[in-house]
């Protein structure tokens, strides 16, 4: 994973990770953010790519550990 000092995630990516960390499913996140499920998946994948993660769970853990959730 990338060093936290070097990482800047977009607000919308952090919003997706935050809601997922709270236990919301993709469809619930989509409804809450008023976006499509496909967009939720794309934003989660984008966060993973930025962080160098393999899974969304890793990205969520990163966000929690670095105080974004």
Protein backbone atom coordinates (compact mmCIF):
# COMPACT_ATOMS: atom_id res chain seq x y z
CA UNK A 1 0.00 0.00 0.00
CA UNK A 2 1.04 3.58 -0.62
CA UNK A 3 2.44 5.76 2.17
CA UNK A 4 -0.42 7.80 3.68
CA UNK A 5 1.49 11.08 3.34
CA UNK A 6 1.53 10.67 -0.43
CA UNK A 7 -2.15 9.80 -0.87
CA UNK A 8 -4.99 12.12 -1.73
CA UNK A 9 -8.34 10.49 -2.29
CA UNK A 10 -11.23 12.42 -3.77
CA UNK A 11 -14.05 13.39 -1.44
CA UNK A 12 -16.47 11.13 -3.29
CA UNK A 13 -14.11 8.15 -2.95
CA UNK A 14 -13.81 8.81 0.78
CA UNK A 15 -17.61 9.09 1.06
CA UNK A 16 -18.00 5.67 -0.54
CA UNK A 17 -15.36 4.11 1.74
CA UNK A 18 -16.88 5.78 4.81
CA UNK A 19 -20.34 4.38 4.13
CA UNK A 20 -18.95 0.95 3.33
CA UNK A 21 -16.97 1.02 6.58
CA UNK A 22 -20.24 1.66 8.40
CA UNK A 23 -21.56 -1.56 6.89
CA UNK A 24 -23.64 -0.21 4.04
CA UNK A 25 -23.92 -2.40 0.97
CA UNK A 26 -23.24 -1.09 -2.52
CA UNK A 27 -26.93 -0.56 -3.23
CA UNK A 28 -27.43 1.36 0.02
CA UNK A 29 -24.35 3.51 -0.63
CA UNK A 30 -25.69 4.26 -4.11
CA UNK A 31 -29.06 5.34 -2.73
CA UNK A 32 -27.52 7.49 0.01
CA UNK A 33 -25.15 9.25 -2.39
CA UNK A 34 -27.74 9.34 -5.18
CA UNK A 35 -25.43 7.63 -7.66
CA UNK A 36 -25.58 4.32 -9.48
CA UNK A 37 -24.21 1.08 -8.06
CA UNK A 38 -21.79 1.02 -10.98
CA UNK A 39 -20.46 4.43 -9.91
CA UNK A 40 -20.04 3.20 -6.34
CA UNK A 41 -17.98 0.28 -7.61
CA UNK A 42 -15.95 2.57 -9.86
CA UNK A 43 -15.18 4.99 -7.00
CA UNK A 44 -14.18 2.13 -4.70
CA UNK A 45 -11.93 0.69 -7.42
CA UNK A 46 -10.41 4.12 -8.04
CA UNK A 47 -9.60 4.44 -4.33
CA UNK A 48 -7.99 0.98 -4.42
CA UNK A 49 -5.91 1.93 -7.45
CA UNK A 50 -4.74 5.15 -5.80
CA UNK A 51 -3.84 3.34 -2.58
CA UNK A 52 -2.29 0.34 -4.29
CA UNK A 53 -4.82 -2.03 -2.71
CA UNK A 54 -6.07 -5.30 -4.10
CA UNK A 55 -9.47 -5.17 -2.40
CA UNK A 56 -12.02 -2.63 -1.24
CA UNK A 57 -11.64 -4.02 2.28
CA UNK A 58 -7.99 -2.94 2.26
CA UNK A 59 -9.02 0.55 1.16
CA UNK A 60 -11.63 0.72 3.93
CA UNK A 61 -9.04 -0.37 6.51
CA UNK A 62 -6.66 2.31 5.21
CA UNK A 63 -9.38 4.97 5.51
CA UNK A 64 -10.19 3.89 9.07
CA UNK A 65 -6.54 3.79 10.15
CA UNK A 66 -5.89 7.24 8.73
CA UNK A 67 -8.90 8.89 10.32
CA UNK A 68 -11.07 9.29 7.26
CA UNK A 69 -13.86 7.20 8.73
